[in-house]
Structures are given as structure tokens and as C-alpha cells.
């Protein structure tokens, strides 16, 4: 199985993919089978102060609830926009899964040219989303990721990352209203039954939802005028289903786009460098890793250093 982690500023999304042997029209099957079946996924709060063991216990409990064994994990890939957590998660993978993770960073093979003034500035999650969207839906396309920040990432018809737009997320807008006003309460972000609010909570929810929807559609209208009307628009992220279904331009909501992108990039790095293919772990387990079953696990690839 393949363990994938997308570490955001607010939430961390995790998933486990199992191998599936895809049969082709000529009767032949993939050898080896590809990791294409998502068997479990979770969304947890990102906590920068958590220790290696605290994250290890969290992952162990999540696996236990899904009836999964750590010994079945043959590769790990991580996308992170929280640099202080990177060394912590590396240690978690090594101690609890006996594997070195592939961290999405400059130098990792993605198969997508990045046309940014400084490619190293692009968040790992944005590249991962772009790779997945082009692989699954083709180009040109725009990916709208509703996270702590809302990002619009543009991919050309040739599969080139062109750049995009970054806006404050709707949650940041809601928090700012609550923190900067004396009498306005913190409200749940949701689509109200009607635009005209008849109380403070309803008015706030209407302003947040329809105001943000107007921002999203306004930016998309400008992007489509540059990329072309045939451009596909895909939404993802925690609030993707709520905002995406109200947009007149977003036609596809893909909750697992980032997880699919991590899987695709991991497979591309293994395919590009056969030496990265999983091998049986040789070093002895630490005391921490003995807390869960890890016998017989295999090592995943470490991040290669080549042009993204």
C-alpha cells in the first residue's frame, strides 16, 4: 500500500492507496499493479507542536480504525506547506513505518514544466493538484483549492504549470470579521437559505458565502478569458463541495485530487529511477516503531534531485 499525506496550514489530509492490476484490451495486466484504489482517507488538524510519537500514535490509531496494518505500507509520499513539520514527519515515517518518505520539493520529478519566475516559490500542494488535474481531466484547466488560502492554478493544454492566483480563504475572512468587530459573532460557514438575512447570523452567512462566491466566479471569468472558454475548472479542498457547487464556472468537484496527485508523482519517481522501487527494510526497528506492526515493510523512495 501507498501512504500519502498533504500537510496544510489548517488541516492535514491523509490517504492509503492499494494496488490494482489494470487489465488492458489485449488482456495483459500492469506489472507491477499500480496504486489506484483509495482504501482509506482522513482529515485531521495540523499541529506544529506535536512530537514524533504523538503523530505516530495518531497514525497508528487511524490505521487501526480502518483495519489497516503499517506492515502493508510500501511507500510514503508527503506534500507539505508547513516546513517546521517536515523533519518531524520524516522521523515518524522512519520510526513507525520503517520507510523514508518522498517529500515533494524542488528536484522531485513531477512531469510538469513550471513556468513561474521562481519555481521554488510554488507551494508543493499547488503542483500536486496541477499534476493530478491534467492527468485526470486534461488541459487547459484551472484548479481552485479551497484551503486556508484559496488558490487558482492554471495548466496549459500542453500540461505546463502557468501560474495562478492566491486569495485569503473564506475562513480567514470569517475570522477577521469576528476578531475586528465588537458585536459580530463567529458563525458557521454555510450556504444560507436566502440571500437576504433577517438576523445577524443569517446576514453574515449570506455575505460570506455569496460574497466569496462572487470573488471566485469573478476571478474565474478573467482566467477563462485568458485561457479560453474550453478550459476545465476543477474544485478541491475542504470547502470545495460547498462553494464549488454554487459556482457557474466550476463543473467538477474532486475531493481527492491532491491525494491522487501525490500517488501519481510517487509512481513517476519510481518509474524514472528503478532504484527507488520498494525494497525490504534492513535496519532494525526502534522502540517507537514496535508500537505497531511493521515487520516485512518496504522502503519508499527518497526525494530525487532533478529538475522539476
Protein backbone atom coordinates (compact mmCIF):
# COMPACT_ATOMS: atom_id res chain seq x y z
CA UNK A 1 0.00 0.00 0.00
CA UNK A 2 0.99 3.62 -0.52
CA UNK A 3 0.58 6.18 2.30
CA UNK A 4 0.07 9.79 1.11
CA UNK A 5 -0.02 12.95 3.26
CA UNK A 6 -0.96 16.50 2.30
CA UNK A 7 0.05 18.83 5.15
CA UNK A 8 -1.75 22.19 5.04
CA UNK A 9 -1.67 25.15 7.40
CA UNK A 10 -5.04 24.24 8.93
CA UNK A 11 -5.66 20.58 8.09
CA UNK A 12 -3.67 17.53 7.09
CA UNK A 13 -5.31 15.12 4.66
CA UNK A 14 -4.09 11.54 4.62
CA UNK A 15 -4.88 8.59 2.39
CA UNK A 16 -3.90 4.98 1.75
CA UNK A 17 -3.89 3.52 -1.76
CA UNK A 18 -3.91 -0.19 -2.52
CA UNK A 19 -2.54 -1.79 -5.66
CA UNK A 20 -4.89 -2.66 -8.50
CA UNK A 21 -3.91 -4.75 -11.54
CA UNK A 22 -5.45 -2.90 -14.50
CA UNK A 23 -6.29 -5.21 -17.40
CA UNK A 24 -5.71 -3.75 -20.89
CA UNK A 25 -7.71 -4.54 -24.06
CA UNK A 26 -5.06 -7.02 -25.19
CA UNK A 27 -5.57 -9.00 -21.99
CA UNK A 28 -2.31 -8.00 -20.34
CA UNK A 29 -2.28 -6.54 -16.82
CA UNK A 30 0.00 -3.90 -15.33
CA UNK A 31 3.15 -5.40 -13.87
CA UNK A 32 3.50 -4.42 -11.15
CA UNK A 33 -0.05 -3.31 -10.35
CA UNK A 34 -0.48 0.42 -9.74
CA UNK A 35 -1.65 2.09 -6.53
CA UNK A 36 -5.03 3.30 -7.77
CA UNK A 37 -7.62 2.23 -5.19
CA UNK A 38 -8.10 4.65 -2.29
CA UNK A 39 -8.97 2.37 0.62
CA UNK A 40 -8.94 4.95 3.44
CA UNK A 41 -8.70 8.69 3.92
CA UNK A 42 -8.75 11.09 6.86
CA UNK A 43 -8.67 14.84 7.59
CA UNK A 44 -7.05 15.93 10.86
CA UNK A 45 -5.93 19.25 12.32
CA UNK A 46 -2.34 20.28 11.57
CA UNK A 47 -0.49 20.73 14.88
CA UNK A 48 3.01 22.14 14.66
CA UNK A 49 3.73 21.45 18.33
CA UNK A 50 3.09 17.70 18.14
CA UNK A 51 6.03 15.36 18.66
CA UNK A 52 7.13 12.41 16.59
CA UNK A 53 5.47 9.97 19.00
CA UNK A 54 2.24 11.98 19.11
CA UNK A 55 1.98 11.83 15.33
CA UNK A 56 2.96 8.16 15.42
CA UNK A 57 0.16 7.35 17.87
CA UNK A 58 -2.30 9.36 15.76
CA UNK A 59 -1.39 7.47 12.60
CA UNK A 60 -1.48 4.16 14.45
CA UNK A 61 -5.00 4.86 15.73
CA UNK A 62 -6.23 5.94 12.28
CA UNK A 63 -4.84 2.77 10.74
CA UNK A 64 -6.37 0.66 13.49
CA UNK A 65 -9.84 2.17 12.96
CA UNK A 66 -9.58 1.36 9.24
CA UNK A 67 -8.31 -2.18 9.94
CA UNK A 68 -5.01 -1.44 8.18
CA UNK A 69 -1.54 -2.69 9.11
CA UNK A 70 1.56 -0.48 8.98
CA UNK A 71 3.46 -3.50 7.66
CA UNK A 72 1.46 -3.18 4.45
CA UNK A 73 2.84 0.28 3.66
CA UNK A 74 5.46 0.02 0.90
CA UNK A 75 5.86 3.72 0.13
CA UNK A 76 5.14 7.14 1.63
CA UNK A 77 4.88 10.50 -0.13
CA UNK A 78 4.34 13.88 1.57
CA UNK A 79 3.30 17.30 0.33
CA UNK A 80 3.80 19.99 2.98
CA UNK A 81 3.44 23.77 3.20
CA UNK A 82 4.48 23.76 6.88
CA UNK A 83 8.31 23.48 6.84
CA UNK A 84 8.72 23.05 10.64
CA UNK A 85 6.77 19.79 10.42
CA UNK A 86 8.90 18.28 7.64
CA UNK A 87 11.64 16.81 9.90
CA UNK A 88 9.01 15.58 12.36
CA UNK A 89 7.11 13.69 9.67
CA UNK A 90 10.32 12.26 8.24
CA UNK A 91 11.09 10.75 11.64
CA UNK A 92 7.55 9.46 12.02
CA UNK A 93 7.83 7.62 8.70
CA UNK A 94 11.21 6.14 9.58
CA UNK A 95 10.35 5.10 13.13
CA UNK A 96 6.75 3.98 12.73
CA UNK A 97 6.74 2.70 9.13
CA UNK A 98 10.44 1.91 8.64
CA UNK A 99 10.35 3.92 5.39
CA UNK A 100 11.95 7.09 4.09
CA UNK A 101 9.24 9.32 2.60
CA UNK A 102 9.36 11.07 -0.76
CA UNK A 103 8.86 14.76 0.08
CA UNK A 104 7.51 16.92 -2.74
CA UNK A 105 10.13 19.66 -3.12
CA UNK A 106 12.30 21.26 -5.82
CA UNK A 107 14.16 18.48 -7.58
CA UNK A 108 11.39 15.88 -7.47
CA UNK A 109 10.24 14.65 -10.88
CA UNK A 110 6.64 15.75 -11.50
CA UNK A 111 6.47 15.52 -15.28
CA UNK A 112 5.13 19.09 -15.44
CA UNK A 113 7.21 22.12 -16.56
CA UNK A 114 6.75 25.04 -14.14
CA UNK A 115 6.58 28.45 -15.85
CA UNK A 116 6.96 30.50 -12.68
CA UNK A 117 9.59 33.23 -12.24
CA UNK A 118 11.00 31.18 -9.37
CA UNK A 119 9.63 27.61 -9.47
CA UNK A 120 10.79 27.02 -5.88
CA UNK A 121 8.19 29.55 -4.69
CA UNK A 122 5.25 27.43 -5.83
CA UNK A 123 3.62 25.54 -2.96
CA UNK A 124 4.02 21.78 -3.18
CA UNK A 125 0.26 21.26 -2.94
CA UNK A 126 -0.33 23.53 -5.96
CA UNK A 127 1.99 21.49 -8.16
CA UNK A 128 0.48 18.24 -6.89
CA UNK A 129 -3.04 19.47 -7.72
CA UNK A 130 -1.95 20.62 -11.17
CA UNK A 131 -0.35 17.26 -11.97
CA UNK A 132 -3.46 15.36 -10.87
CA UNK A 133 -5.89 17.64 -12.71
CA UNK A 134 -4.01 17.42 -16.01
CA UNK A 135 -3.63 13.64 -15.67
CA UNK A 136 -7.34 13.12 -14.88
CA UNK A 137 -9.08 15.87 -16.87
CA UNK A 138 -6.60 17.16 -19.44
CA UNK A 139 -5.80 20.76 -20.27
CA UNK A 140 -6.17 23.61 -20.29
CA UNK A 141 -7.56 23.59 -16.79
CA UNK A 142 -7.86 25.68 -13.65
CA UNK A 143 -7.75 24.12 -10.18
CA UNK A 144 -9.45 26.01 -7.37
CA UNK A 145 -8.26 24.75 -3.99
CA UNK A 146 -10.35 25.98 -1.05
CA UNK A 147 -7.96 25.78 1.89
CA UNK A 148 -6.60 28.27 4.43
CA UNK A 149 -5.87 30.31 1.32
CA UNK A 150 -7.85 29.84 -1.87
CA UNK A 151 -5.58 29.20 -4.84
CA UNK A 152 -6.32 29.23 -8.56
CA UNK A 153 -3.72 27.23 -10.52
CA UNK A 154 -3.59 27.29 -14.32
CA UNK A 155 -2.35 24.48 -16.56
CA UNK A 156 -1.91 24.81 -20.32
CA UNK A 157 -3.17 22.45 -22.98
CA UNK A 158 0.38 21.02 -23.12
CA UNK A 159 0.45 20.28 -19.39
CA UNK A 160 2.56 23.25 -18.33
CA UNK A 161 2.06 24.95 -14.98
CA UNK A 162 1.48 28.61 -15.91
CA UNK A 163 0.92 30.23 -12.51
CA UNK A 164 -2.23 31.41 -10.82
CA UNK A 165 -3.92 33.49 -8.15
CA UNK A 166 -3.81 33.38 -4.33
CA UNK A 167 -6.60 34.83 -2.17
CA UNK A 168 -7.39 34.77 1.55
CA UNK A 169 -9.59 31.77 2.31
CA UNK A 170 -13.19 32.20 3.34
CA UNK A 171 -12.29 31.03 6.85
CA UNK A 172 -9.75 33.85 7.18
CA UNK A 173 -12.44 36.34 6.12
CA UNK A 174 -14.85 34.99 8.72
CA UNK A 175 -12.19 35.10 11.47
CA UNK A 176 -11.26 38.67 10.54
CA UNK A 177 -14.87 39.81 10.91
CA UNK A 178 -15.15 38.19 14.32
CA UNK A 179 -11.81 39.50 15.60
CA UNK A 180 -12.10 43.05 14.28
CA UNK A 181 -15.69 43.80 15.28
CA UNK A 182 -17.10 44.10 18.79
CA UNK A 183 -20.61 42.77 18.22
CA UNK A 184 -20.43 40.39 15.29
CA UNK A 185 -20.34 36.73 16.36
CA UNK A 186 -18.30 33.89 14.89
CA UNK A 187 -20.61 31.96 12.57
CA UNK A 188 -20.63 28.64 10.79
CA UNK A 189 -19.69 28.98 7.14
CA UNK A 190 -22.58 27.58 5.14
CA UNK A 191 -24.87 28.38 2.24
CA UNK A 192 -27.87 30.29 3.61
CA UNK A 193 -31.42 29.51 2.53
CA UNK A 194 -31.82 33.01 1.03
CA UNK A 195 -29.62 35.97 0.17
CA UNK A 196 -31.42 38.50 2.39
CA UNK A 197 -30.55 37.76 6.01
CA UNK A 198 -33.19 38.52 8.62
CA UNK A 199 -30.80 38.33 11.58
CA UNK A 200 -27.11 38.95 12.23
CA UNK A 201 -26.05 35.33 11.78
CA UNK A 202 -28.00 34.98 8.54
CA UNK A 203 -26.64 38.26 7.21
CA UNK A 204 -23.07 37.22 7.99
CA UNK A 205 -23.50 33.83 6.37
CA UNK A 206 -25.02 35.41 3.28
CA UNK A 207 -22.18 37.91 2.99
CA UNK A 208 -19.52 35.28 3.48
CA UNK A 209 -20.99 32.73 1.09
CA UNK A 210 -22.28 34.92 -1.73
CA UNK A 211 -19.51 37.44 -1.37
CA UNK A 212 -16.90 34.70 -1.67
CA UNK A 213 -18.77 33.02 -4.49
CA UNK A 214 -18.69 36.33 -6.35
CA UNK A 215 -14.93 36.57 -5.77
CA UNK A 216 -14.39 33.04 -7.09
CA UNK A 217 -16.54 33.48 -10.19
CA UNK A 218 -15.08 36.92 -10.88
CA UNK A 219 -11.52 35.57 -10.90
CA UNK A 220 -12.52 32.51 -12.93
CA UNK A 221 -14.20 34.71 -15.54
CA UNK A 222 -10.94 36.62 -16.02
CA UNK A 223 -8.85 33.42 -16.11
CA UNK A 224 -11.13 31.81 -18.69
CA UNK A 225 -10.85 34.91 -20.86
CA UNK A 226 -7.08 34.32 -20.95
CA UNK A 227 -7.03 30.53 -21.19
CA UNK A 228 -10.08 30.01 -23.40
CA UNK A 229 -13.69 29.03 -22.85
CA UNK A 230 -12.88 25.33 -23.30
CA UNK A 231 -10.84 25.40 -20.08
CA UNK A 232 -11.94 22.87 -17.46
CA UNK A 233 -12.39 24.13 -13.90
CA UNK A 234 -11.92 21.71 -11.00
CA UNK A 235 -12.52 22.47 -7.33
CA UNK A 236 -10.95 20.70 -4.38
CA UNK A 237 -10.20 21.36 -0.71
CA UNK A 238 -12.28 21.32 2.44
CA UNK A 239 -14.88 23.85 1.26
CA UNK A 240 -14.75 22.75 -2.37
CA UNK A 241 -18.14 20.99 -2.34
CA UNK A 242 -19.94 23.95 -0.74
CA UNK A 243 -18.50 26.76 -2.87
CA UNK A 244 -17.86 24.69 -5.98
CA UNK A 245 -21.44 23.57 -6.39
CA UNK A 246 -22.62 27.20 -6.33
CA UNK A 247 -20.21 28.47 -8.97
CA UNK A 248 -21.32 28.93 -12.57
CA UNK A 249 -17.84 28.03 -13.83
CA UNK A 250 -16.80 25.09 -11.65
CA UNK A 251 -18.06 21.91 -13.29
CA UNK A 252 -16.10 19.29 -11.34
CA UNK A 253 -15.54 18.91 -7.58
CA UNK A 254 -12.79 16.39 -6.79
CA UNK A 255 -12.34 15.80 -3.07
CA UNK A 256 -9.32 13.54 -3.55
CA UNK A 257 -7.45 15.48 -6.23
CA UNK A 258 -4.41 16.17 -4.04
CA UNK A 259 -4.18 12.57 -2.85
CA UNK A 260 -4.30 11.37 -6.46
CA UNK A 261 -1.58 13.85 -7.38
CA UNK A 262 0.69 12.55 -4.65
CA UNK A 263 0.16 9.00 -5.89
CA UNK A 264 0.91 9.99 -9.49
CA UNK A 265 4.12 11.82 -8.59
CA UNK A 266 5.33 8.93 -6.42
CA UNK A 267 4.78 6.49 -9.29
CA UNK A 268 6.61 8.78 -11.73
CA UNK A 269 9.64 8.93 -9.49
CA UNK A 270 9.71 5.16 -9.06
CA UNK A 271 9.34 4.68 -12.83
CA UNK A 272 12.06 7.23 -13.60
CA UNK A 273 14.58 5.69 -11.22
CA UNK A 274 14.19 1.92 -10.76
CA UNK A 275 16.45 2.10 -7.72
CA UNK A 276 13.65 3.87 -5.89
CA UNK A 277 11.36 0.84 -6.12
CA UNK A 278 10.32 -0.54 -2.70
CA UNK A 279 12.81 -2.88 -1.07
CA UNK A 280 12.60 -4.91 2.10
CA UNK A 281 13.67 -2.88 5.11
CA UNK A 282 17.03 -3.96 6.51
CA UNK A 283 17.61 -1.90 9.63
CA UNK A 284 16.16 -2.98 12.99
CA UNK A 285 13.04 -1.33 14.32
CA UNK A 286 13.23 1.27 17.04
CA UNK A 287 11.26 1.01 20.25
CA UNK A 288 8.81 3.56 18.92
CA UNK A 289 8.12 1.57 15.79
CA UNK A 290 7.40 -1.56 17.80
CA UNK A 291 4.14 0.04 18.94
CA UNK A 292 2.55 -1.04 15.68
CA UNK A 293 3.10 -3.97 13.36
CA UNK A 294 5.92 -3.09 10.94
CA UNK A 295 7.55 -6.40 10.15
CA UNK A 296 8.14 -7.02 6.47
CA UNK A 297 7.53 -3.43 5.39
CA UNK A 298 9.31 -1.97 2.39
CA UNK A 299 11.19 1.28 1.93
CA UNK A 300 9.77 4.04 -0.25
CA UNK A 301 11.84 6.34 -2.45
CA UNK A 302 13.59 9.35 -1.00
CA UNK A 303 13.28 12.60 -2.89
CA UNK A 304 15.49 12.60 -6.01
CA UNK A 305 17.33 15.72 -7.06
CA UNK A 306 16.46 16.53 -10.65
CA UNK A 307 14.81 19.40 -12.47
CA UNK A 308 11.14 19.68 -11.65
